[in-house]
Structures are given as C-alpha cells and as structure tokens.
Amino acid sequence: MNEKMLQELVEMISIRDFNKPFRHRARFNNRLQTTGGRYLLGSHDIELNPKYYVERGEEELIGIIKHELCHYHLHIEGKGYKHRDRDFRELMKKVDAPRFCKPLDSVTKRRVMTQYLYECSACHQRYVRKRKVDTSRYVCGKCKGKLKEIKQ
C-alpha cells in the first residue's frame, strides 16, 4: 500500500463511519516503534506505522485508522479527544474502534530474546536481567562480590 492508497482509505473510512470528511494528510511513518499510529494536534495529520499493515494486515490497519480518526474528529469539534475523556470512549464504541492495537510479533520477539546473565565470582549467585548492568558500579546483592557477564 502506498501513501495515495492510504490517504484514500482514511478518507473513505472517515465518510463511511463518521459521516465527516477527513481534510488533512494521512501518511506512513517508519520511525514509529511501539504504537500503531498517532494524531498530530498541530497539523491535524495522522501518521500510521507501516509494520502493522505488513504483519497484521488491512483489518488491523483499519482499526488503527478508526482510533486515530476518533482523536481527529473530536479535536476538530472541540470535544474531549484524549483517551480518558468520555466523548472519546463513546465515539470509539460507536464506530467499533480498538482501544489498543495488538503488539507486533517482531517487537515482542526482540524483547523476549534480549536477556543478560550475570554471575557473582565469589558466591556464584546468578542474575538474569533485561537490561545490561554496569559491572564496574554494581555488585552481588548477596555477598557484595564482583559480577561478571556470562555469554549465552
């Protein structure tokens, strides 16, 4: 799907589900990592994560577009457009837009695989961490011995 097709899809969903036109720009943003899309308050544009279209398909992308259009139309009308606002929650229910998008498989696999294993050189206590530990600053919590990273 290219930018022109995306723009047409967003305009079509806006008319079909909201009965209001979308008069701004919709585009893909490859830099989005943890979110399916975002509505830009200043320019009123919508940016979408292309990885969701590639991994999850058009149905998931349509759900994300509906969610962002809820922000868009409520903000334009001067109503509560934030996630916690009643207007936002009611409009989301009305158009059947998802509150959250499912996490991408590529992101969850990357998170699960990244683990660091450390061992105390004195008492051999082992520590599994998601983030890298600075072994020159931190010591074993059990005996205050020096930690060393174990390659897995």
C-alpha atoms as a PDB file:
ATOM      1  CA  MET A   1       0.000   0.000   0.000  1.00  0.00           C
ATOM      2  CA  ASN A   2       1.390   3.393  -0.946  1.00  0.00           C
ATOM      3  CA  GLU A   3       0.697   6.852   0.533  1.00  0.00           C
ATOM      4  CA  LYS A   4      -2.014   7.697  -2.029  1.00  0.00           C
ATOM      5  CA  MET A   5      -3.926   4.485  -1.309  1.00  0.00           C
ATOM      6  CA  LEU A   6      -3.591   5.125   2.433  1.00  0.00           C
ATOM      7  CA  GLN A   7      -4.969   8.666   2.038  1.00  0.00           C
ATOM      8  CA  GLU A   8      -7.965   7.336   0.064  1.00  0.00           C
ATOM      9  CA  LEU A   9      -8.595   4.612   2.665  1.00  0.00           C
ATOM     10  CA  VAL A  10      -8.579   7.113   5.542  1.00  0.00           C
ATOM     11  CA  GLU A  11     -10.917   9.479   3.670  1.00  0.00           C
ATOM     12  CA  MET A  12     -13.287   6.597   2.844  1.00  0.00           C
ATOM     13  CA  ILE A  13     -13.383   5.342   6.468  1.00  0.00           C
ATOM     14  CA  SER A  14     -13.977   8.897   7.717  1.00  0.00           C
ATOM     15  CA  ILE A  15     -17.011   9.359   5.457  1.00  0.00           C
ATOM     16  CA  ARG A  16     -18.373   5.819   5.974  1.00  0.00           C
ATOM     17  CA  ASP A  17     -18.012   5.518   9.769  1.00  0.00           C
ATOM     18  CA  PHE A  18     -18.020   9.134  10.986  1.00  0.00           C
ATOM     19  CA  ASN A  19     -20.116  10.882   8.286  1.00  0.00           C
ATOM     20  CA  LYS A  20     -17.489  13.627   8.235  1.00  0.00           C
ATOM     21  CA  PRO A  21     -14.684  14.354   5.760  1.00  0.00           C
ATOM     22  CA  PHE A  22     -11.011  13.952   6.574  1.00  0.00           C
ATOM     23  CA  ARG A  23      -9.387  17.121   5.177  1.00  0.00           C
ATOM     24  CA  HIS A  24      -5.786  16.599   6.216  1.00  0.00           C
ATOM     25  CA  ARG A  25      -2.934  14.249   5.384  1.00  0.00           C
ATOM     26  CA  ALA A  26      -2.502  10.591   6.304  1.00  0.00           C
ATOM     27  CA  ARG A  27       0.923   9.033   5.889  1.00  0.00           C
ATOM     28  CA  PHE A  28       3.108   6.146   6.947  1.00  0.00           C
ATOM     29  CA  ASN A  29       5.910   6.837   9.424  1.00  0.00           C
ATOM     30  CA  ASN A  30       8.615   4.153   9.568  1.00  0.00           C
ATOM     31  CA  ARG A  31      10.073   5.654  12.750  1.00  0.00           C
ATOM     32  CA  LEU A  32       7.059   4.653  14.872  1.00  0.00           C
ATOM     33  CA  GLN A  33       8.136   1.708  17.024  1.00  0.00           C
ATOM     34  CA  THR A  34       5.675   0.912  19.802  1.00  0.00           C
ATOM     35  CA  THR A  35       2.462   2.491  18.533  1.00  0.00           C
ATOM     36  CA  GLY A  36       0.127   1.741  15.650  1.00  0.00           C
ATOM     37  CA  GLY A  37      -0.436   5.376  14.798  1.00  0.00           C
ATOM     38  CA  ARG A  38      -0.686   8.900  16.096  1.00  0.00           C
ATOM     39  CA  TYR A  39      -2.773  12.001  15.559  1.00  0.00           C
ATOM     40  CA  LEU A  40      -0.747  15.217  15.367  1.00  0.00           C
ATOM     41  CA  LEU A  41      -2.533  18.042  17.201  1.00  0.00           C
ATOM     42  CA  GLY A  42      -0.693  20.887  15.456  1.00  0.00           C
ATOM     43  CA  SER A  43      -1.101  19.852  11.832  1.00  0.00           C
ATOM     44  CA  HIS A  44      -4.165  17.557  12.244  1.00  0.00           C
ATOM     45  CA  ASP A  45      -2.322  14.887  10.231  1.00  0.00           C
ATOM     46  CA  ILE A  46      -2.400  11.184  11.019  1.00  0.00           C
ATOM     47  CA  GLU A  47       0.732   9.041  10.958  1.00  0.00           C
ATOM     48  CA  LEU A  48       0.497   5.252  10.826  1.00  0.00           C
ATOM     49  CA  ASN A  49       3.026   2.519  11.478  1.00  0.00           C
ATOM     50  CA  PRO A  50       3.508   0.555   8.209  1.00  0.00           C
ATOM     51  CA  LYS A  51       4.721  -2.525  10.136  1.00  0.00           C
ATOM     52  CA  TYR A  52       1.156  -3.122  11.330  1.00  0.00           C
ATOM     53  CA  TYR A  53      -0.075  -3.331   7.742  1.00  0.00           C
ATOM     54  CA  VAL A  54       2.748  -5.724   6.796  1.00  0.00           C
ATOM     55  CA  GLU A  55       2.456  -8.012   9.858  1.00  0.00           C
ATOM     56  CA  ARG A  56      -1.236  -7.815  10.787  1.00  0.00           C
ATOM     57  CA  GLY A  57      -2.975  -6.899   7.523  1.00  0.00           C
ATOM     58  CA  GLU A  58      -5.540  -4.369   6.382  1.00  0.00           C
ATOM     59  CA  GLU A  59      -8.129  -5.211   9.061  1.00  0.00           C
ATOM     60  CA  GLU A  60      -5.771  -4.175  11.871  1.00  0.00           C
ATOM     61  CA  LEU A  61      -4.768  -1.037   9.958  1.00  0.00           C
ATOM     62  CA  ILE A  62      -8.443  -0.067   9.581  1.00  0.00           C
ATOM     63  CA  GLY A  63      -8.902  -0.403  13.361  1.00  0.00           C
ATOM     64  CA  ILE A  64      -5.919   1.870  13.969  1.00  0.00           C
ATOM     65  CA  ILE A  65      -7.252   4.395  11.438  1.00  0.00           C
ATOM     66  CA  LYS A  66     -10.643   4.449  13.218  1.00  0.00           C
ATOM     67  CA  HIS A  67      -8.904   5.047  16.551  1.00  0.00           C
ATOM     68  CA  GLU A  68      -6.878   7.960  15.171  1.00  0.00           C
ATOM     69  CA  LEU A  69      -9.931   9.405  13.409  1.00  0.00           C
ATOM     70  CA  CYS A  70     -11.716   9.470  16.782  1.00  0.00           C
ATOM     71  CA  HIS A  71      -8.930  11.726  18.078  1.00  0.00           C
ATOM     72  CA  TYR A  72      -9.078  13.801  14.872  1.00  0.00           C
ATOM     73  CA  HIS A  73     -12.834  14.469  14.696  1.00  0.00           C
ATOM     74  CA  LEU A  74     -13.245  15.137  18.431  1.00  0.00           C
ATOM     75  CA  HIS A  75     -10.291  17.541  18.470  1.00  0.00           C
ATOM     76  CA  ILE A  76     -11.619  19.412  15.421  1.00  0.00           C
ATOM     77  CA  GLU A  77     -15.043  19.711  17.120  1.00  0.00           C
ATOM     78  CA  GLY A  78     -13.521  20.939  20.393  1.00  0.00           C
ATOM     79  CA  LYS A  79     -14.690  17.908  22.395  1.00  0.00           C
ATOM     80  CA  GLY A  80     -12.730  15.576  24.657  1.00  0.00           C
ATOM     81  CA  TYR A  81     -10.273  13.816  22.349  1.00  0.00           C
ATOM     82  CA  LYS A  82      -7.959  12.223  24.938  1.00  0.00           C
ATOM     83  CA  HIS A  83      -8.093   8.536  25.888  1.00  0.00           C
ATOM     84  CA  ARG A  84      -9.583   9.249  29.307  1.00  0.00           C
ATOM     85  CA  ASP A  85     -12.409  11.518  28.032  1.00  0.00           C
ATOM     86  CA  ARG A  86     -15.975  10.270  27.928  1.00  0.00           C
ATOM     87  CA  ASP A  87     -16.578  11.695  24.419  1.00  0.00           C
ATOM     88  CA  PHE A  88     -13.616   9.707  23.132  1.00  0.00           C
ATOM     89  CA  ARG A  89     -14.697   6.430  24.730  1.00  0.00           C
ATOM     90  CA  GLU A  90     -18.271   6.800  23.495  1.00  0.00           C
ATOM     91  CA  LEU A  91     -17.203   7.550  19.905  1.00  0.00           C
ATOM     92  CA  MET A  92     -14.798   4.598  19.949  1.00  0.00           C
ATOM     93  CA  LYS A  93     -17.650   2.296  20.998  1.00  0.00           C
ATOM     94  CA  LYS A  94     -19.941   3.762  18.341  1.00  0.00           C
ATOM     95  CA  VAL A  95     -17.520   3.169  15.443  1.00  0.00           C
ATOM     96  CA  ASP A  96     -16.108  -0.091  16.887  1.00  0.00           C
ATOM     97  CA  ALA A  97     -12.526   1.193  17.098  1.00  0.00           C
ATOM     98  CA  PRO A  98      -9.997  -0.706  19.224  1.00  0.00           C
ATOM     99  CA  ARG A  99      -8.636   0.957  22.348  1.00  0.00           C
ATOM    100  CA  PHE A 100      -5.202  -0.609  21.879  1.00  0.00           C
ATOM    101  CA  CYS A 101      -3.551  -2.334  18.940  1.00  0.00           C
ATOM    102  CA  LYS A 102      -2.061  -5.787  19.316  1.00  0.00           C
ATOM    103  CA  PRO A 103       1.719  -5.812  19.825  1.00  0.00           C
ATOM    104  CA  LEU A 104       3.821  -6.608  16.779  1.00  0.00           C
ATOM    105  CA  ASP A 105       5.398 -10.059  16.661  1.00  0.00           C
ATOM    106  CA  SER A 106       8.741  -8.582  15.628  1.00  0.00           C
ATOM    107  CA  VAL A 107       8.806  -6.303  18.702  1.00  0.00           C
ATOM    108  CA  THR A 108       7.748  -8.966  21.237  1.00  0.00           C
ATOM    109  CA  LYS A 109      10.289 -11.480  19.882  1.00  0.00           C
ATOM    110  CA  ARG A 110      13.048  -8.887  20.168  1.00  0.00           C
ATOM    111  CA  ARG A 111      12.091  -8.118  23.780  1.00  0.00           C
ATOM    112  CA  VAL A 112      11.925 -11.753  24.883  1.00  0.00           C
ATOM    113  CA  MET A 113      15.241 -12.702  23.281  1.00  0.00           C
ATOM    114  CA  THR A 114      17.238  -9.863  24.838  1.00  0.00           C
ATOM    115  CA  GLN A 115      18.364 -11.155  28.236  1.00  0.00           C
ATOM    116  CA  TYR A 116      21.645 -10.755  30.056  1.00  0.00           C
ATOM    117  CA  LEU A 117      23.027 -13.295  32.506  1.00  0.00           C
ATOM    118  CA  TYR A 118      25.427 -12.299  35.287  1.00  0.00           C
ATOM    119  CA  GLU A 119      27.185 -14.419  37.889  1.00  0.00           C
ATOM    120  CA  CYS A 120      28.921 -13.458  41.112  1.00  0.00           C
ATOM    121  CA  SER A 121      32.563 -14.526  41.045  1.00  0.00           C
ATOM    122  CA  ALA A 122      32.533 -15.162  44.838  1.00  0.00           C
ATOM    123  CA  CYS A 123      29.254 -16.981  45.676  1.00  0.00           C
ATOM    124  CA  HIS A 124      28.169 -17.915  42.104  1.00  0.00           C
ATOM    125  CA  GLN A 125      24.711 -16.340  42.526  1.00  0.00           C
ATOM    126  CA  ARG A 126      23.158 -15.832  39.052  1.00  0.00           C
ATOM    127  CA  TYR A 127      21.125 -12.828  37.887  1.00  0.00           C
ATOM    128  CA  VAL A 128      19.033 -12.619  34.706  1.00  0.00           C
ATOM    129  CA  ARG A 129      18.388  -9.068  33.511  1.00  0.00           C
ATOM    130  CA  LYS A 130      16.539  -7.472  30.595  1.00  0.00           C
ATOM    131  CA  ARG A 131      18.946  -4.538  30.549  1.00  0.00           C
ATOM    132  CA  LYS A 132      22.704  -4.522  30.565  1.00  0.00           C
ATOM    133  CA  VAL A 133      24.283  -3.978  34.004  1.00  0.00           C
ATOM    134  CA  ASP A 134      27.376  -1.826  34.559  1.00  0.00           C
ATOM    135  CA  THR A 135      29.548  -4.380  36.377  1.00  0.00           C
ATOM    136  CA  SER A 136      32.009  -1.704  37.494  1.00  0.00           C
ATOM    137  CA  ARG A 137      29.248   0.020  39.507  1.00  0.00           C
ATOM    138  CA  TYR A 138      27.063  -2.869  40.739  1.00  0.00           C
ATOM    139  CA  VAL A 139      27.970  -5.833  42.912  1.00  0.00           C
ATOM    140  CA  CYS A 140      26.296  -9.029  44.088  1.00  0.00           C
ATOM    141  CA  GLY A 141      23.322  -8.362  46.369  1.00  0.00           C
ATOM    142  CA  LYS A 142      24.045 -11.456  48.401  1.00  0.00           C
ATOM    143  CA  CYS A 143      27.779 -11.179  49.219  1.00  0.00           C
ATOM    144  CA  LYS A 144      28.949  -7.904  47.585  1.00  0.00           C
ATOM    145  CA  GLY A 145      31.209  -9.892  45.219  1.00  0.00           C
ATOM    146  CA  LYS A 146      32.185  -8.805  41.698  1.00  0.00           C
ATOM    147  CA  LEU A 147      29.717  -9.571  38.893  1.00  0.00           C
ATOM    148  CA  LYS A 148      30.749 -10.933  35.522  1.00  0.00           C
ATOM    149  CA  GLU A 149      28.599 -11.318  32.425  1.00  0.00           C
ATOM    150  CA  ILE A 150      28.099 -14.837  31.129  1.00  0.00           C
ATOM    151  CA  LYS A 151      27.690 -15.140  27.359  1.00  0.00           C
ATOM    152  CA  GLN A 152      24.683 -17.271  26.428  1.00  0.00           C
END
